[in-house]
Structure formats: structure tokens, C-alpha cells
C-alpha atoms as a PDB file:
ATOM      1  CA  MET A   1     -16.136-107.462 -31.265  1.00  0.00           C
ATOM      2  CA  PRO A   2     -12.750-105.449 -30.693  1.00  0.00           C
ATOM      3  CA  ALA A   3     -10.764-104.009 -33.289  1.00  0.00           C
ATOM      4  CA  ARG A   4      -7.080-105.603 -33.753  1.00  0.00           C
ATOM      5  CA  SER A   5      -3.802-103.743 -33.567  1.00  0.00           C
ATOM      6  CA  VAL A   6      -1.704-104.071 -36.428  1.00  0.00           C
ATOM      7  CA  ALA A   7       2.115-104.012 -35.531  1.00  0.00           C
ATOM      8  CA  VAL A   8       3.978-101.840 -38.010  1.00  0.00           C
ATOM      9  CA  ALA A   9       7.802-102.596 -38.031  1.00  0.00           C
ATOM     10  CA  ARG A  10      10.519 -99.989 -37.602  1.00  0.00           C
ATOM     11  CA  PRO A  11      13.184 -99.682 -40.424  1.00  0.00           C
ATOM     12  CA  GLY A  12      16.319-100.501 -39.461  1.00  0.00           C
ATOM     13  CA  TRP A  13      18.975 -97.498 -39.180  1.00  0.00           C
ATOM     14  CA  TRP A  14      20.769 -98.895 -41.908  1.00  0.00           C
ATOM     15  CA  THR A  15      18.789 -98.662 -45.122  1.00  0.00           C
ATOM     16  CA  THR A  16      18.917 -98.870 -48.326  1.00  0.00           C
ATOM     17  CA  ARG A  17      19.676 -95.164 -49.196  1.00  0.00           C
ATOM     18  CA  ARG A  18      21.983 -95.161 -46.215  1.00  0.00           C
ATOM     19  CA  ARG A  19      24.057 -98.164 -48.325  1.00  0.00           C
ATOM     20  CA  ASP A  20      24.247 -95.969 -51.267  1.00  0.00           C
ATOM     21  CA  GLN A  21      25.110 -93.322 -49.982  1.00  0.00           C
ATOM     22  CA  ALA A  22      28.461 -95.062 -48.420  1.00  0.00           C
ATOM     23  CA  ALA A  23      29.103 -97.000 -51.524  1.00  0.00           C
ATOM     24  CA  GLY A  24      28.889 -93.192 -53.952  1.00  0.00           C
ATOM     25  CA  TYR A  25      31.172 -91.313 -50.989  1.00  0.00           C
ATOM     26  CA  LEU A  26      33.348 -95.110 -50.554  1.00  0.00           C
ATOM     27  CA  PHE A  27      33.962 -94.431 -54.450  1.00  0.00           C
ATOM     28  CA  ILE A  28      35.049 -90.710 -54.550  1.00  0.00           C
ATOM     29  CA  THR A  29      36.741 -91.080 -51.494  1.00  0.00           C
ATOM     30  CA  PRO A  30      40.137 -91.499 -54.099  1.00  0.00           C
ATOM     31  CA  GLN A  31      39.702 -88.808 -55.814  1.00  0.00           C
ATOM     32  CA  LEU A  32      38.727 -85.817 -53.178  1.00  0.00           C
ATOM     33  CA  ILE A  33      42.264 -87.048 -51.391  1.00  0.00           C
ATOM     34  CA  GLY A  34      44.111 -86.915 -54.414  1.00  0.00           C
ATOM     35  CA  THR A  35      41.858 -83.762 -54.694  1.00  0.00           C
ATOM     36  CA  ALA A  36      43.317 -81.879 -51.990  1.00  0.00           C
ATOM     37  CA  LEU A  37      46.588 -83.560 -51.334  1.00  0.00           C
ATOM     38  CA  PHE A  38      47.941 -82.802 -55.191  1.00  0.00           C
ATOM     39  CA  VAL A  39      44.831 -79.405 -56.113  1.00  0.00           C
ATOM     40  CA  LEU A  40      43.981 -77.976 -52.880  1.00  0.00           C
ATOM     41  CA  LEU A  41      47.228 -77.920 -50.635  1.00  0.00           C
ATOM     42  CA  PRO A  42      49.150 -77.259 -53.143  1.00  0.00           C
ATOM     43  CA  LEU A  43      46.972 -74.025 -54.730  1.00  0.00           C
ATOM     44  CA  GLY A  44      47.435 -73.396 -50.522  1.00  0.00           C
ATOM     45  CA  LEU A  45      51.228 -73.239 -50.685  1.00  0.00           C
ATOM     46  CA  VAL A  46      51.153 -70.988 -53.500  1.00  0.00           C
ATOM     47  CA  GLY A  47      48.934 -67.777 -52.155  1.00  0.00           C
ATOM     48  CA  TRP A  48      50.922 -68.997 -48.385  1.00  0.00           C
ATOM     49  CA  TYR A  49      54.562 -68.406 -50.316  1.00  0.00           C
ATOM     50  CA  SER A  50      53.475 -65.501 -52.221  1.00  0.00           C
ATOM     51  CA  LEU A  51      53.665 -63.638 -49.397  1.00  0.00           C
ATOM     52  CA  HIS A  52      56.414 -64.361 -47.874  1.00  0.00           C
ATOM     53  CA  GLU A  53      60.083 -63.648 -49.384  1.00  0.00           C
ATOM     54  CA  TRP A  54      62.189 -67.343 -49.227  1.00  0.00           C
ATOM     55  CA  ASN A  55      66.131 -67.062 -50.053  1.00  0.00           C
ATOM     56  CA  VAL A  56      67.306 -71.186 -49.951  1.00  0.00           C
ATOM     57  CA  LEU A  57      70.780 -70.090 -49.613  1.00  0.00           C
ATOM     58  CA  ALA A  58      70.625 -67.402 -46.619  1.00  0.00           C
ATOM     59  CA  GLY A  59      68.087 -69.823 -45.472  1.00  0.00           C
ATOM     60  CA  THR A  60      66.239 -66.615 -44.729  1.00  0.00           C
ATOM     61  CA  PHE A  61      62.788 -66.533 -45.290  1.00  0.00           C
ATOM     62  CA  GLU A  62      60.244 -63.379 -44.035  1.00  0.00           C
ATOM     63  CA  PHE A  63      56.677 -62.780 -43.788  1.00  0.00           C
ATOM     64  CA  THR A  64      56.860 -59.058 -46.633  1.00  0.00           C
ATOM     65  CA  GLY A  65      52.905 -58.817 -47.375  1.00  0.00           C
ATOM     66  CA  ALA A  66      51.819 -57.797 -50.417  1.00  0.00           C
ATOM     67  CA  ASP A  67      54.827 -56.804 -51.672  1.00  0.00           C
ATOM     68  CA  ASN A  68      55.547 -59.208 -54.498  1.00  0.00           C
ATOM     69  CA  TYR A  69      52.560 -58.113 -55.505  1.00  0.00           C
ATOM     70  CA  ARG A  70      53.560 -54.386 -55.808  1.00  0.00           C
ATOM     71  CA  GLN A  71      56.349 -55.275 -57.540  1.00  0.00           C
ATOM     72  CA  VAL A  72      53.795 -57.633 -60.450  1.00  0.00           C
ATOM     73  CA  ALA A  73      52.700 -53.919 -60.916  1.00  0.00           C
ATOM     74  CA  ASP A  74      56.454 -52.953 -61.261  1.00  0.00           C
ATOM     75  CA  ASP A  75      58.378 -55.345 -63.519  1.00  0.00           C
ATOM     76  CA  PRO A  76      59.223 -54.248 -66.476  1.00  0.00           C
ATOM     77  CA  GLY A  77      60.035 -57.159 -67.722  1.00  0.00           C
ATOM     78  CA  LEU A  78      56.385 -58.428 -67.060  1.00  0.00           C
ATOM     79  CA  PRO A  79      54.347 -56.555 -70.064  1.00  0.00           C
ATOM     80  CA  GLY A  80      56.784 -58.218 -72.551  1.00  0.00           C
ATOM     81  CA  VAL A  81      56.478 -61.767 -70.930  1.00  0.00           C
ATOM     82  CA  LEU A  82      52.480 -61.597 -71.371  1.00  0.00           C
ATOM     83  CA  ARG A  83      52.904 -60.488 -74.186  1.00  0.00           C
ATOM     84  CA  ALA A  84      55.260 -63.183 -75.836  1.00  0.00           C
ATOM     85  CA  THR A  85      52.158 -65.465 -74.038  1.00  0.00           C
ATOM     86  CA  ALA A  86      48.997 -63.931 -75.109  1.00  0.00           C
ATOM     87  CA  LEU A  87      50.745 -64.045 -78.685  1.00  0.00           C
ATOM     88  CA  PHE A  88      52.141 -68.111 -78.204  1.00  0.00           C
ATOM     89  CA  SER A  89      48.462 -69.122 -76.868  1.00  0.00           C
ATOM     90  CA  VAL A  90      46.760 -67.471 -79.792  1.00  0.00           C
ATOM     91  CA  GLY A  91      49.424 -68.606 -82.560  1.00  0.00           C
ATOM     92  CA  LEU A  92      48.596 -71.955 -80.741  1.00  0.00           C
ATOM     93  CA  VAL A  93      45.154 -72.251 -80.122  1.00  0.00           C
ATOM     94  CA  VAL A  94      43.835 -71.264 -84.091  1.00  0.00           C
ATOM     95  CA  LEU A  95      46.565 -73.000 -86.225  1.00  0.00           C
ATOM     96  CA  ASN A  96      45.687 -75.995 -83.780  1.00  0.00           C
ATOM     97  CA  LEU A  97      42.037 -75.881 -83.761  1.00  0.00           C
ATOM     98  CA  ALA A  98      42.129 -74.622 -87.472  1.00  0.00           C
ATOM     99  CA  LEU A  99      43.618 -77.690 -88.199  1.00  0.00           C
ATOM    100  CA  ALA A 100      42.532 -80.205 -86.965  1.00  0.00           C
ATOM    101  CA  LEU A 101      39.311 -79.821 -87.542  1.00  0.00           C
ATOM    102  CA  LEU A 102      40.178 -79.183 -91.102  1.00  0.00           C
ATOM    103  CA  LEU A 103      41.690 -82.793 -91.000  1.00  0.00           C
ATOM    104  CA  ALA A 104      39.471 -84.047 -89.414  1.00  0.00           C
ATOM    105  CA  VAL A 105      36.620 -83.074 -92.124  1.00  0.00           C
ATOM    106  CA  LEU A 106      39.510 -85.082 -95.016  1.00  0.00           C
ATOM    107  CA  LEU A 107      40.159 -88.046 -92.967  1.00  0.00           C
ATOM    108  CA  ASN A 108      35.701 -88.803 -92.460  1.00  0.00           C
ATOM    109  CA  GLN A 109      35.575 -89.068 -95.912  1.00  0.00           C
ATOM    110  CA  LYS A 110      35.682 -92.434 -96.892  1.00  0.00           C
ATOM    111  CA  LEU A 111      38.545 -92.730 -99.024  1.00  0.00           C
ATOM    112  CA  ARG A 112      41.448 -96.175 -99.262  1.00  0.00           C
ATOM    113  CA  GLY A 113      44.475 -95.500 -96.159  1.00  0.00           C
ATOM    114  CA  THR A 114      42.690 -93.062 -93.741  1.00  0.00           C
ATOM    115  CA  VAL A 115      43.410 -95.020 -91.577  1.00  0.00           C
ATOM    116  CA  VAL A 116      47.131 -94.657 -91.896  1.00  0.00           C
ATOM    117  CA  PHE A 117      47.071 -90.744 -92.550  1.00  0.00           C
ATOM    118  CA  ARG A 118      44.977 -90.871 -88.518  1.00  0.00           C
ATOM    119  CA  THR A 119      47.388 -92.925 -87.207  1.00  0.00           C
ATOM    120  CA  LEU A 120      50.132 -90.743 -88.885  1.00  0.00           C
ATOM    121  CA  PHE A 121      48.637 -87.533 -87.555  1.00  0.00           C
ATOM    122  CA  PHE A 122      48.033 -89.154 -84.342  1.00  0.00           C
ATOM    123  CA  SER A 123      51.368 -90.845 -83.363  1.00  0.00           C
ATOM    124  CA  PRO A 124      53.762 -87.281 -82.546  1.00  0.00           C
ATOM    125  CA  VAL A 125      50.721 -87.301 -79.272  1.00  0.00           C
ATOM    126  CA  VAL A 126      52.058 -90.895 -77.718  1.00  0.00           C
ATOM    127  CA  VAL A 127      55.728 -89.760 -78.300  1.00  0.00           C
ATOM    128  CA  SER A 128      58.183 -88.323 -75.206  1.00  0.00           C
ATOM    129  CA  LEU A 129      57.858 -84.388 -75.028  1.00  0.00           C
ATOM    130  CA  VAL A 130      61.387 -83.611 -74.727  1.00  0.00           C
ATOM    131  CA  ALA A 131      62.805 -86.403 -77.149  1.00  0.00           C
ATOM    132  CA  TRP A 132      59.908 -84.492 -79.705  1.00  0.00           C
ATOM    133  CA  THR A 133      62.025 -81.835 -78.786  1.00  0.00           C
ATOM    134  CA  ILE A 134      65.645 -82.288 -78.821  1.00  0.00           C
ATOM    135  CA  VAL A 135      64.854 -83.546 -82.347  1.00  0.00           C
ATOM    136  CA  TRP A 136      63.376 -80.425 -83.740  1.00  0.00           C
ATOM    137  CA  ARG A 137      65.602 -78.475 -82.433  1.00  0.00           C
ATOM    138  CA  PHE A 138      67.917 -80.061 -84.043  1.00  0.00           C
ATOM    139  CA  LEU A 139      66.113 -80.182 -86.881  1.00  0.00           C
ATOM    140  CA  LEU A 140      65.861 -76.035 -86.531  1.00  0.00           C
ATOM    141  CA  GLN A 141      69.166 -75.330 -86.527  1.00  0.00           C
ATOM    142  CA  ASP A 142      71.210 -73.322 -89.211  1.00  0.00           C
ATOM    143  CA  ASN A 143      72.409 -77.203 -91.100  1.00  0.00           C
ATOM    144  CA  GLY A 144      69.579 -78.183 -89.786  1.00  0.00           C
ATOM    145  CA  GLY A 145      67.202 -80.503 -91.543  1.00  0.00           C
ATOM    146  CA  VAL A 146      64.735 -78.428 -91.892  1.00  0.00           C
ATOM    147  CA  ASN A 147      66.692 -75.658 -94.546  1.00  0.00           C
ATOM    148  CA  GLY A 148      68.060 -78.588 -95.711  1.00  0.00           C
ATOM    149  CA  VAL A 149      65.404 -79.573 -97.644  1.00  0.00           C
ATOM    150  CA  LEU A 150      64.450 -75.762 -98.516  1.00  0.00           C
ATOM    151  CA  GLY A 151      68.068 -75.688 -99.662  1.00  0.00           C
ATOM    152  CA  ALA A 152      67.330 -78.833-102.210  1.00  0.00           C
ATOM    153  CA  VAL A 153      64.756 -76.586-104.032  1.00  0.00           C
ATOM    154  CA  GLY A 154      67.097 -73.610-103.862  1.00  0.00           C
ATOM    155  CA  VAL A 155      66.066 -71.616-100.445  1.00  0.00           C
ATOM    156  CA  ASP A 156      68.123 -69.383 -98.108  1.00  0.00           C
ATOM    157  CA  GLY A 157      66.565 -70.434 -94.939  1.00  0.00           C
ATOM    158  CA  PRO A 158      67.092 -68.729 -91.491  1.00  0.00           C
ATOM    159  CA  ASN A 159      68.173 -69.567 -88.524  1.00  0.00           C
ATOM    160  CA  TRP A 160      64.856 -70.872 -87.283  1.00  0.00           C
ATOM    161  CA  LEU A 161      65.831 -70.348 -83.040  1.00  0.00           C
ATOM    162  CA  ARG A 162      68.287 -67.501 -83.480  1.00  0.00           C
ATOM    163  CA  GLY A 163      65.267 -65.008 -85.486  1.00  0.00           C
ATOM    164  CA  GLU A 164      63.121 -63.538 -83.201  1.00  0.00           C
ATOM    165  CA  ALA A 165      59.867 -63.789 -84.958  1.00  0.00           C
ATOM    166  CA  THR A 166      60.810 -67.214 -86.783  1.00  0.00           C
ATOM    167  CA  ALA A 167      61.938 -68.223 -83.581  1.00  0.00           C
ATOM    168  CA  MET A 168      58.597 -67.786 -82.388  1.00  0.00           C
ATOM    169  CA  ILE A 169      57.601 -69.214 -84.963  1.00  0.00           C
ATOM    170  CA  SER A 170      59.164 -72.529 -84.511  1.00  0.00           C
ATOM    171  CA  VAL A 171      57.775 -72.778 -81.119  1.00  0.00           C
ATOM    172  CA  ILE A 172      54.164 -72.349 -82.381  1.00  0.00           C
ATOM    173  CA  VAL A 173      54.207 -74.675 -85.196  1.00  0.00           C
ATOM    174  CA  VAL A 174      56.490 -78.006 -82.829  1.00  0.00           C
ATOM    175  CA  GLN A 175      53.539 -78.136 -80.903  1.00  0.00           C
ATOM    176  CA  VAL A 176      50.865 -77.697 -83.132  1.00  0.00           C
ATOM    177  CA  VAL A 177      52.140 -80.563 -84.620  1.00  0.00           C
ATOM    178  CA  LYS A 178      53.001 -82.557 -81.935  1.00  0.00           C
ATOM    179  CA  ASN A 179      49.458 -82.323 -80.398  1.00  0.00           C
ATOM    180  CA  VAL A 180      47.037 -81.160 -83.698  1.00  0.00           C
ATOM    181  CA  GLY A 181      45.987 -85.168 -83.192  1.00  0.00           C
ATOM    182  CA  LEU A 182      44.474 -85.413 -80.394  1.00  0.00           C
ATOM    183  CA  ASN A 183      42.060 -82.563 -81.718  1.00  0.00           C
ATOM    184  CA  MET A 184      41.425 -84.482 -85.089  1.00  0.00           C
ATOM    185  CA  VAL A 185      40.371 -87.798 -82.225  1.00  0.00           C
ATOM    186  CA  LEU A 186      37.459 -85.174 -81.130  1.00  0.00           C
ATOM    187  CA  PHE A 187      36.517 -83.116 -83.776  1.00  0.00           C
ATOM    188  CA  LEU A 188      36.860 -86.547 -85.659  1.00  0.00           C
ATOM    189  CA  ALA A 189      34.028 -88.538 -83.081  1.00  0.00           C
ATOM    190  CA  ALA A 190      32.206 -85.657 -83.404  1.00  0.00           C
ATOM    191  CA  LEU A 191      31.640 -85.965 -87.442  1.00  0.00           C
ATOM    192  CA  GLN A 192      30.903 -89.078 -87.151  1.00  0.00           C
ATOM    193  CA  GLY A 193      27.787 -88.536 -84.301  1.00  0.00           C
ATOM    194  CA  VAL A 194      26.783 -86.085 -87.153  1.00  0.00           C
ATOM    195  CA  PRO A 195      23.150 -87.375 -88.451  1.00  0.00           C
ATOM    196  CA  GLY A 196      23.508 -88.638 -92.351  1.00  0.00           C
ATOM    197  CA  GLU A 197      20.054 -87.784 -92.790  1.00  0.00           C
ATOM    198  CA  LEU A 198      20.393 -83.873 -92.658  1.00  0.00           C
ATOM    199  CA  TYR A 199      23.014 -83.573 -95.081  1.00  0.00           C
ATOM    200  CA  GLU A 200      21.027 -85.896 -97.386  1.00  0.00           C
ATOM    201  CA  ALA A 201      17.749 -82.983 -97.199  1.00  0.00           C
ATOM    202  CA  ALA A 202      20.119 -79.630 -96.921  1.00  0.00           C
ATOM    203  CA  ARG A 203      21.607 -81.781-100.810  1.00  0.00           C
ATOM    204  CA  VAL A 204      17.948 -82.318-101.899  1.00  0.00           C
ATOM    205  CA  ASP A 205      17.539 -78.160-101.276  1.00  0.00           C
ATOM    206  CA  GLY A 206      20.810 -77.473-102.469  1.00  0.00           C
ATOM    207  CA  ALA A 207      22.706 -76.366-100.294  1.00  0.00           C
ATOM    208  CA  SER A 208      26.519 -76.431-101.270  1.00  0.00           C
ATOM    209  CA  ARG A 209      29.178 -77.721 -98.867  1.00  0.00           C
ATOM    210  CA  TRP A 210      30.073 -75.009 -97.786  1.00  0.00           C
ATOM    211  CA  THR A 211      26.724 -73.964 -96.606  1.00  0.00           C
ATOM    212  CA  GLN A 212      26.076 -77.793 -94.955  1.00  0.00           C
ATOM    213  CA  PHE A 213      29.512 -76.849 -93.034  1.00  0.00           C
ATOM    214  CA  ARG A 214      28.570 -73.620 -91.724  1.00  0.00           C
ATOM    215  CA  ARG A 215      25.131 -74.573 -90.987  1.00  0.00           C
ATOM    216  CA  ILE A 216      24.902 -78.826 -89.939  1.00  0.00           C
ATOM    217  CA  THR A 217      28.652 -79.683 -89.305  1.00  0.00           C
ATOM    218  CA  VAL A 218      29.534 -76.642 -87.147  1.00  0.00           C
ATOM    219  CA  PRO A 219      26.567 -76.349 -84.505  1.00  0.00           C
ATOM    220  CA  LEU A 220      26.527 -79.989 -84.243  1.00  0.00           C
ATOM    221  CA  ILE A 221      29.318 -80.163 -83.226  1.00  0.00           C
ATOM    222  CA  SER A 222      30.311 -76.883 -81.564  1.00  0.00           C
ATOM    223  CA  PRO A 223      30.071 -79.074 -77.740  1.00  0.00           C
ATOM    224  CA  THR A 224      33.231 -80.578 -79.139  1.00  0.00           C
ATOM    225  CA  ILE A 225      34.803 -76.862 -80.761  1.00  0.00           C
ATOM    226  CA  LEU A 226      34.099 -75.609 -76.989  1.00  0.00           C
ATOM    227  CA  LEU A 227      36.131 -79.319 -74.985  1.00  0.00           C
ATOM    228  CA  THR A 228      38.839 -78.983 -77.869  1.00  0.00           C
ATOM    229  CA  SER A 229      39.026 -75.061 -77.223  1.00  0.00           C
ATOM    230  CA  ILE A 230      39.441 -75.160 -73.219  1.00  0.00           C
ATOM    231  CA  ILE A 231      42.037 -77.741 -73.329  1.00  0.00           C
ATOM    232  CA  THR A 232      43.752 -76.368 -75.797  1.00  0.00           C
ATOM    233  CA  VAL A 233      43.292 -72.611 -74.341  1.00  0.00           C
ATOM    234  CA  VAL A 234      45.067 -74.031 -70.296  1.00  0.00           C
ATOM    235  CA  GLY A 235      47.481 -76.171 -72.052  1.00  0.00           C
ATOM    236  CA  SER A 236      48.911 -73.209 -74.835  1.00  0.00           C
ATOM    237  CA  LEU A 237      49.585 -70.910 -70.857  1.00  0.00           C
ATOM    238  CA  GLN A 238      51.829 -73.914 -69.422  1.00  0.00           C
ATOM    239  CA  VAL A 239      54.329 -74.938 -71.927  1.00  0.00           C
ATOM    240  CA  PHE A 240      57.811 -74.685 -70.464  1.00  0.00           C
ATOM    241  CA  ALA A 241      59.131 -77.487 -72.306  1.00  0.00           C
ATOM    242  CA  GLN A 242      59.110 -76.790 -75.695  1.00  0.00           C
ATOM    243  CA  ILE A 243      60.456 -73.403 -74.192  1.00  0.00           C
ATOM    244  CA  ALA A 244      62.989 -74.557 -72.253  1.00  0.00           C
ATOM    245  CA  VAL A 245      64.627 -76.957 -75.376  1.00  0.00           C
ATOM    246  CA  LEU A 246      64.009 -74.567 -78.099  1.00  0.00           C
ATOM    247  CA  THR A 247      65.103 -71.644 -77.397  1.00  0.00           C
ATOM    248  CA  GLN A 248      65.496 -71.258 -73.486  1.00  0.00           C
ATOM    249  CA  GLY A 249      63.271 -67.196 -74.066  1.00  0.00           C
ATOM    250  CA  GLY A 250      65.383 -66.070 -76.398  1.00  0.00           C
ATOM    251  CA  PRO A 251      66.766 -64.295 -78.325  1.00  0.00           C
ATOM    252  CA  GLY A 252      66.023 -61.791 -75.597  1.00  0.00           C
ATOM    253  CA  ASN A 253      62.938 -62.694 -74.174  1.00  0.00           C
ATOM    254  CA  SER A 254      60.790 -62.809 -77.140  1.00  0.00           C
ATOM    255  CA  THR A 255      59.931 -66.469 -76.521  1.00  0.00           C
ATOM    256  CA  THR A 256      59.912 -65.972 -72.535  1.00  0.00           C
ATOM    257  CA  VAL A 257      55.943 -67.131 -71.756  1.00  0.00           C
ATOM    258  CA  LEU A 258      54.135 -66.898 -68.739  1.00  0.00           C
ATOM    259  CA  VAL A 259      55.370 -70.384 -67.059  1.00  0.00           C
ATOM    260  CA  TYR A 260      59.413 -70.039 -68.062  1.00  0.00           C
ATOM    261  CA  TYR A 261      59.580 -67.003 -66.941  1.00  0.00           C
ATOM    262  CA  LEU A 262      58.269 -68.203 -63.315  1.00  0.00           C
ATOM    263  CA  TYR A 263      60.834 -70.887 -63.661  1.00  0.00           C
ATOM    264  CA  GLN A 264      63.627 -67.802 -64.075  1.00  0.00           C
ATOM    265  CA  GLN A 265      62.464 -66.655 -61.445  1.00  0.00           C
ATOM    266  CA  ALA A 266      61.887 -68.989 -58.811  1.00  0.00           C
ATOM    267  CA  PHE A 267      64.680 -71.419 -59.804  1.00  0.00           C
ATOM    268  CA  GLN A 268      67.843 -69.347 -61.183  1.00  0.00           C
ATOM    269  CA  PHE A 269      67.736 -65.978 -59.393  1.00  0.00           C
ATOM    270  CA  HIS A 270      65.559 -68.115 -55.856  1.00  0.00           C
ATOM    271  CA  HIS A 271      63.342 -65.483 -55.804  1.00  0.00           C
ATOM    272  CA  PHE A 272      60.617 -68.076 -54.990  1.00  0.00           C
ATOM    273  CA  GLY A 273      58.335 -65.620 -53.330  1.00  0.00           C
ATOM    274  CA  TYR A 274      58.286 -63.751 -56.319  1.00  0.00           C
ATOM    275  CA  GLY A 275      57.681 -66.991 -58.187  1.00  0.00           C
ATOM    276  CA  ALA A 276      54.865 -67.985 -56.471  1.00  0.00           C
ATOM    277  CA  THR A 277      53.164 -64.565 -57.141  1.00  0.00           C
ATOM    278  CA  LEU A 278      53.779 -65.015 -60.543  1.00  0.00           C
ATOM    279  CA  SER A 279      51.906 -68.773 -60.264  1.00  0.00           C
ATOM    280  CA  VAL A 280      49.411 -66.947 -58.601  1.00  0.00           C
ATOM    281  CA  LEU A 281      48.853 -64.193 -61.540  1.00  0.00           C
ATOM    282  CA  LEU A 282      48.887 -67.480 -63.972  1.00  0.00           C
ATOM    283  CA  PHE A 283      46.550 -69.242 -62.042  1.00  0.00           C
ATOM    284  CA  GLY A 284      44.386 -66.111 -61.922  1.00  0.00           C
ATOM    285  CA  ILE A 285      44.251 -65.586 -65.918  1.00  0.00           C
ATOM    286  CA  VAL A 286      43.653 -69.593 -66.604  1.00  0.00           C
ATOM    287  CA  LEU A 287      40.505 -69.667 -64.444  1.00  0.00           C
ATOM    288  CA  ALA A 288      39.532 -66.336 -66.084  1.00  0.00           C
ATOM    289  CA  LEU A 289      39.574 -67.283 -69.487  1.00  0.00           C
ATOM    290  CA  THR A 290      38.206 -70.659 -68.637  1.00  0.00           C
ATOM    291  CA  VAL A 291      34.828 -68.751 -67.460  1.00  0.00           C
ATOM    292  CA  ALA A 292      34.596 -66.500 -69.842  1.00  0.00           C
ATOM    293  CA  GLN A 293      35.250 -69.197 -72.639  1.00  0.00           C
ATOM    294  CA  TRP A 294      31.755 -71.613 -70.498  1.00  0.00           C
ATOM    295  CA  GLN A 295      29.909 -68.622 -70.821  1.00  0.00           C
ATOM    296  CA  MET A 296      30.443 -67.737 -74.065  1.00  0.00           C
ATOM    297  CA  ARG A 297      28.776 -70.782 -74.378  1.00  0.00           C
ATOM    298  CA  ARG A 298      25.168 -70.064 -74.208  1.00  0.00           C
ATOM    299  CA  ARG A 299      26.018 -68.155 -78.076  1.00  0.00           C
ATOM    300  CA  TRP A 300      27.553 -70.127 -79.649  1.00  0.00           C
ATOM    301  CA  VAL A 301      27.372 -73.829 -78.437  1.00  0.00           C
ATOM    302  CA  PHE A 302      24.534 -75.668 -79.942  1.00  0.00           C
ATOM    303  CA  HIS A 303      21.438 -77.626 -77.293  1.00  0.00           C
ATOM    304  CA  GLU A 304      22.641 -74.225 -74.262  1.00  0.00           C
ATOM    305  CA  GLN A 305      20.647 -72.214 -73.331  1.00  0.00           C
END
């Protein structure tokens, strides 16, 4: 009896796998278009303009090659700008992360009224940045609210925005108070994810509160510390509105950070090519610091190899 052949149906082209792939590409298409239009294209244009000198008033656009990059190396004002940028970033990052973690630890306790304080500390985050800064500009004047409070207790306060040291401190503090609530919420969420059994076991072994914090809390919330440090460092290098409203880079150039300096070069002195070159420098600094932080995570972030 001859063997009967069994016909096997060939799968069609529009398989389940292809349908899933098409659905995935369809979902990420808006994000890809937005990234191309608002990130990659501006980056490319900044690099292109950095190789030219564009004089809007004269209507000239000339290719200058690497002249703008040589000007960066020879600019006598740039070291002071980078020094002010570094001072602002270090002060902001250290003060912001330390204060946010302290507030999160305090507000993680089961006490009455903690919800009110959480709302109070987070509320500046949702306030308009310019409105917030204008209010602080009035408060920090020589006859403003801060010196009024100090005068009530017999302290003669300085003109906060006119002294080189006090101006930088004032800008840092205003920015810290504005954004500390965001990092506080992130730390608070991380703290509430730490298992309570670990603290109970540590107490049984006689560990002090400081040892529990150092040996249990910090390692387990280290991924959140990494996230907040990256966000805060990048944000500190992009500060502009606070400088423009509070000090306009003064007194002297004591608070002229890199973003404000490139704004001055491009939009006040009309050196658009050099301003674009400073933007490339800023991009390189942000990228280098972010990569360095990402690489260092293997040494101090929990669960990282």
C-alpha cells in the first residue's frame, strides 16, 4: 500500500512575529521622530554653526574652520567662567543631595504631620521658576525680607546679591530650596522600599542608628542616589534663569556660569559662532561627567557588578 503524502501548509508572510515587530516600531516612531527633530538635528546644527561666524547685523555667514575652537583656548574670561560653573555645581549638588536625604529620612518616620511637611517641601518644585526667582530677588535686597528678619534679632545682614561670595551662595541656596523637594520624594520612595526586617536584625545585633544608616540604608538606596546625582549634576550645568534674574552674572563675573556666558556671547555680543562653540564645550562637559558617574556606579551602587 503506497505511503500517503501529508501536505504541510506554509506560513504566510504576515506572521505573528512580524505583527509584533510592526506594533513595536509603531509605538516608538513618535519618540524617534521627536528625538531626531528636537535633539539630533539641533546638535548637528550647533556643530555646524560652531565652524562658522554668523553676523546677524551685517548679514554675513563665513566658514572659519577651527578658529572658534582656538578662541576657546585663548579666551581670557573662560577660566573664570569655568571656575564659577564648577563652584556652583559642586555647591548645588552637595547641598541639594545632603538636604534632600536628610529631609527624606526625617519624613520617613511615622509621626503626625509628616504629610503636611512633605507637601510644604515639595511645593516649590511646581512653582514657576521665574516667579520664584523674582520673589527671592526682592527678599535678598539690602532692605529686603531676609535682612529684615536678621535685623529683628540684631544682625546686620549684607547686600546678598552685591557681594561676590554672598551672591554665589545666594544663587545656590535659592536653587537648592527650589528643587530639593524633587530629590526628597525620590529618596523617600527608595527608603520605603528598604525591608524593615533588616533593621530589626541589626537592632538585635546591637547596631546603632548610624551603623544601620551606613550599612543598610545607603547601600540599598544607592541606585536612587546615582539617579539623583546624575539629574542634579546635569541640572546644575544648565542653570540660566536664576543667574539672569538674580545677578546677571555679577558682581563682576563672580556668578557668570557657562550657560549664561554663552548666552552673552551669542545674543548680547552677536557672536553666534563662538556661542555655538561654547555649547559644544558644555555638551562635552555634561557628557563626560555623566559617563564618569555611570562608570563609577560599579564601585558603590548596590547590585552593580
